[in-house]
N, C-alpha and C. Protein backbone atom coordinates (compact mmCIF):
# COMPACT_ATOMS: atom_id res chain seq x y z
N MET A 1 -20.37 25.00 -18.10
CA MET A 1 -18.92 25.12 -18.18
C MET A 1 -18.45 24.91 -19.61
N VAL A 2 -17.55 25.74 -20.04
CA VAL A 2 -16.99 25.67 -21.38
C VAL A 2 -15.86 24.65 -21.38
N THR A 3 -15.87 23.75 -22.35
CA THR A 3 -14.84 22.71 -22.41
C THR A 3 -13.67 23.16 -23.27
N ASP A 4 -12.57 22.41 -23.16
CA ASP A 4 -11.40 22.67 -24.01
C ASP A 4 -11.79 22.64 -25.48
N GLN A 5 -12.58 21.66 -25.87
CA GLN A 5 -12.95 21.51 -27.27
C GLN A 5 -13.78 22.69 -27.77
N GLN A 6 -14.68 23.21 -26.94
CA GLN A 6 -15.46 24.38 -27.34
C GLN A 6 -14.56 25.60 -27.53
N ILE A 7 -13.62 25.77 -26.64
CA ILE A 7 -12.68 26.89 -26.76
C ILE A 7 -11.82 26.73 -28.00
N ILE A 8 -11.31 25.53 -28.23
CA ILE A 8 -10.47 25.28 -29.40
C ILE A 8 -11.25 25.53 -30.69
N GLN A 9 -12.50 25.12 -30.73
CA GLN A 9 -13.32 25.37 -31.92
C GLN A 9 -13.48 26.87 -32.16
N LYS A 10 -13.67 27.63 -31.10
CA LYS A 10 -13.78 29.09 -31.23
C LYS A 10 -12.45 29.70 -31.65
N LEU A 11 -11.35 29.21 -31.09
CA LEU A 11 -10.03 29.72 -31.46
C LEU A 11 -9.73 29.49 -32.95
N LYS A 12 -10.20 28.38 -33.48
CA LYS A 12 -9.95 28.06 -34.89
C LYS A 12 -10.59 29.07 -35.83
N THR A 13 -11.65 29.74 -35.38
CA THR A 13 -12.38 30.65 -36.26
C THR A 13 -12.22 32.12 -35.90
N ILE A 14 -11.43 32.42 -34.89
CA ILE A 14 -11.25 33.81 -34.47
C ILE A 14 -10.53 34.60 -35.56
N ASP A 15 -10.91 35.87 -35.72
CA ASP A 15 -10.19 36.69 -36.71
C ASP A 15 -8.96 37.30 -36.05
N GLN A 16 -8.09 37.88 -36.86
CA GLN A 16 -6.82 38.39 -36.37
C GLN A 16 -7.01 39.46 -35.29
N TYR A 17 -7.96 40.36 -35.48
CA TYR A 17 -8.13 41.46 -34.54
C TYR A 17 -8.70 40.97 -33.21
N GLY A 18 -9.61 40.03 -33.27
CA GLY A 18 -10.13 39.42 -32.05
C GLY A 18 -9.05 38.65 -31.32
N PHE A 19 -8.19 37.98 -32.09
CA PHE A 19 -7.10 37.21 -31.48
C PHE A 19 -6.10 38.13 -30.79
N GLU A 20 -5.78 39.26 -31.43
CA GLU A 20 -4.87 40.21 -30.80
C GLU A 20 -5.47 40.73 -29.50
N SER A 21 -6.74 41.05 -29.50
CA SER A 21 -7.41 41.52 -28.27
C SER A 21 -7.37 40.46 -27.19
N LEU A 22 -7.62 39.23 -27.58
CA LEU A 22 -7.59 38.12 -26.64
C LEU A 22 -6.21 37.96 -26.02
N VAL A 23 -5.17 37.97 -26.84
CA VAL A 23 -3.79 37.83 -26.35
C VAL A 23 -3.44 39.00 -25.43
N ASN A 24 -3.76 40.22 -25.86
CA ASN A 24 -3.46 41.39 -25.03
C ASN A 24 -4.17 41.31 -23.68
N ASN A 25 -5.42 40.87 -23.70
CA ASN A 25 -6.17 40.75 -22.45
C ASN A 25 -5.51 39.74 -21.52
N LEU A 26 -5.13 38.60 -22.05
CA LEU A 26 -4.46 37.59 -21.23
C LEU A 26 -3.13 38.11 -20.68
N LEU A 27 -2.37 38.81 -21.51
CA LEU A 27 -1.09 39.37 -21.05
C LEU A 27 -1.31 40.41 -19.96
N GLN A 28 -2.31 41.26 -20.12
CA GLN A 28 -2.60 42.29 -19.13
C GLN A 28 -3.00 41.68 -17.79
N GLN A 29 -3.67 40.55 -17.83
CA GLN A 29 -4.14 39.92 -16.60
C GLN A 29 -3.08 39.03 -15.96
N GLY A 30 -1.92 38.93 -16.56
CA GLY A 30 -0.84 38.15 -15.97
C GLY A 30 -0.90 36.66 -16.23
N ALA A 31 -1.58 36.26 -17.30
CA ALA A 31 -1.72 34.83 -17.61
C ALA A 31 -0.40 34.19 -18.01
N PHE A 32 0.54 34.97 -18.50
CA PHE A 32 1.83 34.44 -18.93
C PHE A 32 2.95 35.20 -18.23
N PRO A 33 3.16 34.93 -16.94
CA PRO A 33 4.17 35.68 -16.19
C PRO A 33 5.59 35.46 -16.71
N GLU A 34 5.83 34.36 -17.42
CA GLU A 34 7.14 34.12 -18.00
C GLU A 34 7.40 35.07 -19.18
N VAL A 35 6.33 35.63 -19.74
CA VAL A 35 6.43 36.54 -20.88
C VAL A 35 6.55 37.98 -20.39
N LEU A 36 5.57 38.43 -19.63
CA LEU A 36 5.56 39.80 -19.11
C LEU A 36 5.41 39.78 -17.60
N ASN A 37 6.10 40.68 -16.94
CA ASN A 37 5.93 40.82 -15.50
C ASN A 37 4.51 41.25 -15.18
N ASN A 38 4.05 40.93 -13.99
CA ASN A 38 2.69 41.30 -13.60
C ASN A 38 2.45 42.80 -13.63
N ASP A 39 3.49 43.62 -13.46
CA ASP A 39 3.30 45.06 -13.45
C ASP A 39 3.45 45.70 -14.84
N ALA A 40 3.66 44.90 -15.87
CA ALA A 40 3.79 45.42 -17.23
C ALA A 40 2.42 45.82 -17.77
N SER A 41 2.42 46.78 -18.67
CA SER A 41 1.15 47.17 -19.28
C SER A 41 1.20 46.88 -20.77
N VAL A 42 0.07 46.52 -21.30
CA VAL A 42 -0.06 46.24 -22.73
C VAL A 42 -1.07 47.23 -23.26
N GLU A 43 -0.66 48.02 -24.23
CA GLU A 43 -1.55 49.04 -24.76
C GLU A 43 -2.43 48.46 -25.83
N PRO A 44 -3.69 48.88 -25.88
CA PRO A 44 -4.56 48.43 -26.96
C PRO A 44 -4.08 48.97 -28.31
N PHE A 45 -4.47 48.31 -29.37
CA PHE A 45 -4.06 48.69 -30.72
C PHE A 45 -4.42 50.15 -30.98
N GLY A 46 -3.50 50.87 -31.59
CA GLY A 46 -3.77 52.23 -32.01
C GLY A 46 -3.42 53.30 -30.98
N VAL A 47 -3.06 52.91 -29.77
CA VAL A 47 -2.76 53.89 -28.74
C VAL A 47 -1.36 54.46 -28.91
N ASN A 48 -0.41 53.62 -29.20
CA ASN A 48 0.98 54.05 -29.26
C ASN A 48 1.28 54.67 -30.61
N ILE A 49 1.67 55.95 -30.60
CA ILE A 49 1.96 56.63 -31.86
C ILE A 49 3.26 56.16 -32.49
N GLU A 50 4.07 55.44 -31.74
CA GLU A 50 5.31 54.90 -32.30
C GLU A 50 5.08 53.57 -33.01
N LYS A 51 3.83 53.21 -33.18
CA LYS A 51 3.43 52.00 -33.91
C LYS A 51 4.05 50.75 -33.33
N GLU A 52 3.91 50.57 -32.03
CA GLU A 52 4.39 49.34 -31.42
C GLU A 52 3.56 48.15 -31.88
N ARG A 53 2.40 48.43 -32.44
CA ARG A 53 1.59 47.36 -33.03
C ARG A 53 1.29 47.78 -34.45
N THR A 54 1.34 46.84 -35.34
CA THR A 54 0.98 47.13 -36.72
C THR A 54 -0.18 46.24 -37.11
N ARG A 55 -0.95 46.69 -38.06
CA ARG A 55 -2.07 45.88 -38.53
C ARG A 55 -2.08 45.97 -40.05
N LYS A 56 -2.04 44.83 -40.68
CA LYS A 56 -2.03 44.78 -42.13
C LYS A 56 -3.38 44.27 -42.61
N SER A 57 -3.71 44.59 -43.83
CA SER A 57 -5.01 44.17 -44.34
C SER A 57 -5.00 42.70 -44.73
N SER A 58 -6.18 42.10 -44.74
CA SER A 58 -6.34 40.69 -45.11
C SER A 58 -5.92 40.51 -46.55
N PRO A 59 -5.51 39.36 -46.99
CA PRO A 59 -5.46 38.09 -46.28
C PRO A 59 -4.18 37.89 -45.49
N LYS A 60 -3.31 38.88 -45.45
CA LYS A 60 -2.04 38.70 -44.76
C LYS A 60 -2.03 39.50 -43.46
N SER A 61 -3.17 39.55 -42.79
CA SER A 61 -3.23 40.34 -41.57
C SER A 61 -2.45 39.66 -40.46
N ASP A 62 -1.72 40.47 -39.71
CA ASP A 62 -1.02 39.97 -38.55
C ASP A 62 -0.82 41.13 -37.60
N THR A 63 -0.37 40.86 -36.42
CA THR A 63 -0.15 41.91 -35.45
C THR A 63 1.22 41.76 -34.86
N GLU A 64 1.67 42.83 -34.27
CA GLU A 64 3.01 42.82 -33.72
C GLU A 64 2.99 43.73 -32.50
N SER A 65 3.54 43.27 -31.41
CA SER A 65 3.65 44.09 -30.21
C SER A 65 5.11 44.13 -29.79
N ILE A 66 5.55 45.28 -29.38
CA ILE A 66 6.90 45.41 -28.87
C ILE A 66 6.80 46.00 -27.47
N THR A 67 7.42 45.37 -26.52
CA THR A 67 7.44 45.89 -25.16
C THR A 67 8.88 45.85 -24.71
N GLY A 68 9.59 46.93 -24.90
CA GLY A 68 11.00 46.96 -24.56
C GLY A 68 11.77 45.96 -25.39
N ASP A 69 12.52 45.09 -24.72
CA ASP A 69 13.29 44.08 -25.45
C ASP A 69 12.52 42.76 -25.56
N ILE A 70 11.19 42.85 -25.38
CA ILE A 70 10.32 41.69 -25.54
C ILE A 70 9.52 41.90 -26.82
N LYS A 71 9.54 40.92 -27.70
CA LYS A 71 8.78 40.99 -28.94
C LYS A 71 7.66 39.97 -28.85
N VAL A 72 6.42 40.44 -29.04
CA VAL A 72 5.25 39.57 -29.01
C VAL A 72 4.61 39.64 -30.39
N GLU A 73 4.47 38.49 -31.02
CA GLU A 73 3.82 38.39 -32.32
C GLU A 73 2.64 37.46 -32.21
N SER A 74 1.59 37.72 -32.98
CA SER A 74 0.46 36.79 -32.99
C SER A 74 -0.05 36.64 -34.41
N SER A 75 -0.57 35.45 -34.69
CA SER A 75 -1.04 35.17 -36.04
C SER A 75 -2.13 34.10 -36.01
N VAL A 76 -3.10 34.25 -36.91
CA VAL A 76 -4.13 33.23 -37.07
C VAL A 76 -3.96 32.49 -38.40
N GLN A 77 -2.81 32.65 -39.03
CA GLN A 77 -2.58 31.94 -40.28
C GLN A 77 -2.57 30.43 -40.04
N ALA A 78 -3.17 29.69 -40.95
CA ALA A 78 -3.26 28.24 -40.82
C ALA A 78 -1.89 27.59 -40.77
N ASN A 79 -0.95 28.09 -41.55
CA ASN A 79 0.40 27.53 -41.56
C ASN A 79 1.27 28.33 -40.59
N TRP A 80 1.15 28.02 -39.32
CA TRP A 80 1.87 28.77 -38.28
C TRP A 80 3.37 28.62 -38.41
N GLU A 81 3.83 27.47 -38.92
CA GLU A 81 5.27 27.25 -39.06
C GLU A 81 5.90 28.26 -40.02
N SER A 82 5.29 28.44 -41.18
CA SER A 82 5.87 29.38 -42.15
C SER A 82 5.77 30.81 -41.65
N LYS A 83 4.69 31.14 -40.95
CA LYS A 83 4.56 32.49 -40.38
C LYS A 83 5.64 32.72 -39.32
N LEU A 84 5.90 31.71 -38.48
CA LEU A 84 6.94 31.82 -37.46
C LEU A 84 8.30 32.06 -38.12
N LYS A 85 8.61 31.29 -39.15
CA LYS A 85 9.89 31.45 -39.85
C LYS A 85 10.01 32.85 -40.46
N GLU A 86 8.92 33.33 -41.04
CA GLU A 86 8.90 34.67 -41.64
C GLU A 86 9.16 35.74 -40.57
N VAL A 87 8.54 35.61 -39.43
CA VAL A 87 8.69 36.59 -38.35
C VAL A 87 10.11 36.54 -37.79
N VAL A 88 10.66 35.36 -37.61
CA VAL A 88 12.03 35.24 -37.10
C VAL A 88 13.00 35.88 -38.09
N GLU A 89 12.81 35.63 -39.35
CA GLU A 89 13.68 36.23 -40.38
C GLU A 89 13.59 37.76 -40.35
N LYS A 90 12.39 38.26 -40.16
CA LYS A 90 12.16 39.71 -40.12
C LYS A 90 12.89 40.38 -38.96
N HIS A 91 13.06 39.68 -37.84
CA HIS A 91 13.63 40.28 -36.64
C HIS A 91 15.06 39.82 -36.34
N LYS A 92 15.72 39.18 -37.29
CA LYS A 92 17.04 38.58 -37.04
C LYS A 92 18.08 39.53 -36.46
N ASN A 93 18.15 40.75 -36.91
CA ASN A 93 19.22 41.64 -36.48
C ASN A 93 18.79 42.64 -35.41
N GLN A 94 17.72 42.34 -34.71
CA GLN A 94 17.25 43.21 -33.64
C GLN A 94 17.69 42.66 -32.29
N THR A 95 17.78 43.54 -31.31
CA THR A 95 18.11 43.10 -29.96
C THR A 95 16.81 42.70 -29.27
N ILE A 96 16.63 41.41 -29.08
CA ILE A 96 15.42 40.88 -28.44
C ILE A 96 15.85 39.95 -27.32
N ASN A 97 15.36 40.22 -26.13
CA ASN A 97 15.66 39.37 -24.98
C ASN A 97 14.69 38.19 -24.90
N LYS A 98 13.39 38.49 -25.11
CA LYS A 98 12.35 37.45 -25.12
C LYS A 98 11.54 37.59 -26.39
N PHE A 99 11.19 36.45 -26.96
CA PHE A 99 10.36 36.43 -28.16
C PHE A 99 9.19 35.49 -27.90
N VAL A 100 7.98 35.96 -28.22
CA VAL A 100 6.77 35.15 -27.99
C VAL A 100 5.94 35.17 -29.25
N PHE A 101 5.52 33.99 -29.68
CA PHE A 101 4.68 33.85 -30.87
C PHE A 101 3.40 33.15 -30.46
N PHE A 102 2.28 33.88 -30.52
CA PHE A 102 0.97 33.31 -30.21
C PHE A 102 0.29 32.92 -31.52
N THR A 103 -0.31 31.74 -31.53
CA THR A 103 -1.08 31.30 -32.69
C THR A 103 -2.34 30.59 -32.21
N ASN A 104 -3.38 30.68 -33.01
CA ASN A 104 -4.61 29.97 -32.68
C ASN A 104 -4.59 28.54 -33.22
N GLN A 105 -3.48 28.13 -33.79
CA GLN A 105 -3.35 26.80 -34.39
C GLN A 105 -2.81 25.78 -33.38
N ASP A 106 -2.92 24.50 -33.74
CA ASP A 106 -2.41 23.41 -32.91
C ASP A 106 -0.89 23.34 -33.06
N THR A 107 -0.20 23.56 -31.96
CA THR A 107 1.27 23.50 -31.96
C THR A 107 1.76 22.41 -31.01
N SER A 108 0.94 21.39 -30.79
CA SER A 108 1.25 20.40 -29.75
C SER A 108 2.62 19.76 -29.91
N SER A 109 3.06 19.49 -31.12
CA SER A 109 4.38 18.87 -31.28
C SER A 109 5.49 19.92 -31.20
N LYS A 110 5.17 21.16 -31.52
CA LYS A 110 6.13 22.28 -31.55
C LYS A 110 7.34 21.98 -32.42
N GLN A 111 7.20 21.05 -33.33
CA GLN A 111 8.26 20.72 -34.26
C GLN A 111 8.00 21.44 -35.58
N ILE A 112 9.04 22.06 -36.12
CA ILE A 112 8.95 22.67 -37.44
C ILE A 112 10.04 22.08 -38.32
N SER A 113 9.80 22.11 -39.61
CA SER A 113 10.76 21.57 -40.55
C SER A 113 11.69 22.69 -41.02
N VAL A 114 12.99 22.50 -40.79
CA VAL A 114 13.99 23.48 -41.19
C VAL A 114 15.07 22.75 -41.98
N GLY A 115 15.16 23.05 -43.24
CA GLY A 115 16.16 22.40 -44.09
C GLY A 115 16.00 20.89 -44.14
N GLY A 116 14.77 20.42 -44.13
CA GLY A 116 14.50 18.99 -44.20
C GLY A 116 14.63 18.26 -42.87
N LYS A 117 14.98 18.97 -41.81
CA LYS A 117 15.09 18.36 -40.48
C LYS A 117 14.04 18.95 -39.56
N ASN A 118 13.57 18.14 -38.62
CA ASN A 118 12.63 18.64 -37.62
C ASN A 118 13.39 19.30 -36.48
N MET A 119 12.85 20.43 -36.02
CA MET A 119 13.50 21.18 -34.96
C MET A 119 12.43 21.74 -34.03
N ASP A 120 12.75 21.85 -32.75
CA ASP A 120 11.85 22.45 -31.79
C ASP A 120 11.67 23.93 -32.14
N ALA A 121 10.42 24.41 -32.17
CA ALA A 121 10.13 25.79 -32.57
C ALA A 121 10.78 26.80 -31.63
N ASP A 122 10.77 26.53 -30.33
CA ASP A 122 11.40 27.45 -29.38
C ASP A 122 12.90 27.56 -29.64
N GLU A 123 13.53 26.41 -29.88
CA GLU A 123 14.96 26.37 -30.16
C GLU A 123 15.29 27.13 -31.46
N TYR A 124 14.44 26.93 -32.46
CA TYR A 124 14.62 27.63 -33.73
C TYR A 124 14.63 29.14 -33.52
N CYS A 125 13.70 29.62 -32.72
CA CYS A 125 13.63 31.06 -32.44
C CYS A 125 14.85 31.54 -31.67
N ARG A 126 15.24 30.81 -30.64
CA ARG A 126 16.42 31.19 -29.86
C ARG A 126 17.66 31.27 -30.74
N ASN A 127 17.84 30.26 -31.59
CA ASN A 127 19.00 30.23 -32.48
C ASN A 127 18.94 31.35 -33.52
N GLY A 128 17.77 31.55 -34.10
CA GLY A 128 17.62 32.54 -35.16
C GLY A 128 17.69 33.98 -34.68
N LEU A 129 17.24 34.22 -33.45
CA LEU A 129 17.19 35.59 -32.94
C LEU A 129 18.26 35.90 -31.91
N GLY A 130 18.90 34.87 -31.39
CA GLY A 130 19.91 35.07 -30.36
C GLY A 130 19.33 35.60 -29.06
N CYS A 131 18.07 35.27 -28.79
CA CYS A 131 17.43 35.75 -27.57
C CYS A 131 17.52 34.70 -26.46
N GLN A 132 17.38 35.17 -25.22
CA GLN A 132 17.46 34.27 -24.07
C GLN A 132 16.27 33.33 -23.98
N SER A 133 15.08 33.87 -24.21
CA SER A 133 13.86 33.07 -24.05
C SER A 133 12.98 33.19 -25.28
N CYS A 134 12.37 32.09 -25.62
CA CYS A 134 11.44 32.06 -26.74
C CYS A 134 10.28 31.14 -26.39
N TYR A 135 9.08 31.58 -26.71
CA TYR A 135 7.88 30.80 -26.42
C TYR A 135 6.97 30.79 -27.64
N VAL A 136 6.55 29.61 -28.04
CA VAL A 136 5.53 29.46 -29.06
C VAL A 136 4.30 28.95 -28.33
N ILE A 137 3.25 29.75 -28.32
CA ILE A 137 2.06 29.45 -27.54
C ILE A 137 0.90 29.24 -28.49
N GLY A 138 0.37 28.02 -28.49
CA GLY A 138 -0.71 27.64 -29.38
C GLY A 138 -2.02 27.41 -28.66
N GLN A 139 -2.97 26.81 -29.39
CA GLN A 139 -4.34 26.70 -28.90
C GLN A 139 -4.50 25.89 -27.62
N GLN A 140 -3.70 24.86 -27.37
CA GLN A 140 -3.86 24.07 -26.15
C GLN A 140 -3.54 24.89 -24.91
N ILE A 141 -2.43 25.65 -24.97
CA ILE A 141 -2.05 26.47 -23.82
C ILE A 141 -3.05 27.61 -23.65
N LEU A 142 -3.49 28.20 -24.75
CA LEU A 142 -4.49 29.26 -24.67
C LEU A 142 -5.80 28.74 -24.07
N ALA A 143 -6.20 27.54 -24.48
CA ALA A 143 -7.44 26.96 -23.94
C ALA A 143 -7.36 26.77 -22.43
N LEU A 144 -6.20 26.34 -21.95
CA LEU A 144 -6.02 26.20 -20.49
C LEU A 144 -6.15 27.54 -19.78
N GLN A 145 -5.50 28.56 -20.33
CA GLN A 145 -5.57 29.89 -19.72
C GLN A 145 -6.98 30.45 -19.76
N LEU A 146 -7.70 30.18 -20.84
CA LEU A 146 -9.05 30.71 -20.99
C LEU A 146 -10.05 30.05 -20.05
N GLN A 147 -9.70 28.89 -19.53
CA GLN A 147 -10.58 28.23 -18.55
C GLN A 147 -10.27 28.66 -17.13
N ASN A 148 -9.20 29.39 -16.93
CA ASN A 148 -8.80 29.82 -15.61
C ASN A 148 -9.51 31.13 -15.27
N PRO A 149 -10.46 31.11 -14.33
CA PRO A 149 -11.21 32.33 -14.01
C PRO A 149 -10.35 33.44 -13.41
N ALA A 150 -9.13 33.11 -12.97
CA ALA A 150 -8.24 34.15 -12.46
C ALA A 150 -7.78 35.08 -13.58
N PHE A 151 -7.76 34.57 -14.81
CA PHE A 151 -7.27 35.36 -15.93
C PHE A 151 -8.35 35.78 -16.90
N PHE A 152 -9.38 34.98 -17.03
CA PHE A 152 -10.36 35.24 -18.07
C PHE A 152 -11.70 34.65 -17.69
N TYR A 153 -12.75 35.26 -18.12
CA TYR A 153 -14.07 34.73 -17.87
C TYR A 153 -14.69 34.29 -19.19
N LYS A 154 -15.47 33.23 -19.14
CA LYS A 154 -16.07 32.67 -20.35
C LYS A 154 -16.79 33.74 -21.16
N GLU A 155 -17.55 34.57 -20.48
CA GLU A 155 -18.34 35.59 -21.18
C GLU A 155 -17.43 36.54 -21.95
N LYS A 156 -16.31 36.90 -21.34
CA LYS A 156 -15.36 37.79 -21.99
C LYS A 156 -14.73 37.12 -23.21
N PHE A 157 -14.39 35.85 -23.06
CA PHE A 157 -13.78 35.11 -24.17
C PHE A 157 -14.70 35.09 -25.38
N PHE A 158 -15.94 34.75 -25.16
CA PHE A 158 -16.86 34.64 -26.28
C PHE A 158 -17.19 36.01 -26.89
N LYS A 159 -16.96 37.07 -26.13
CA LYS A 159 -17.14 38.42 -26.65
C LYS A 159 -16.15 38.70 -27.78
N TYR A 160 -14.97 38.10 -27.72
CA TYR A 160 -13.94 38.35 -28.72
C TYR A 160 -14.18 37.56 -30.00
N LEU A 161 -15.11 36.65 -29.99
CA LEU A 161 -15.30 35.78 -31.15
C LEU A 161 -16.49 36.16 -31.99
């Protein structure tokens, strides 16, 4: 059996493209029903000619998924707080109903520093984007989902790493 710590260690070293595949796989399997309905589809990178996903070259590689009025972003940058702020700033004037930020980093406190004050990351996104729902999903929540055989199998997880 794979432990939380083994999964977290693997998440810490995953590359951006493997992380995007991992997130897409979890979304497709319904691991986050609060994010996407069970009947929603997530297209693999490169399928959509309208560039619903973008891929930038290292060291600033990141991915972006758009599903209607739901914006899904993922990043493996060590400083997830600054990446989150950058992404929120980038999408400020768009119509977004739900915003989701996946990171392979530890977000257990979910507190970010804004103007010298600590603020909840979900609240920061809701305020900055004017969206109804915002989720910042880090390594602890991902580790729980990756241990659930209903959504993911150990062999599949390690394939992405």
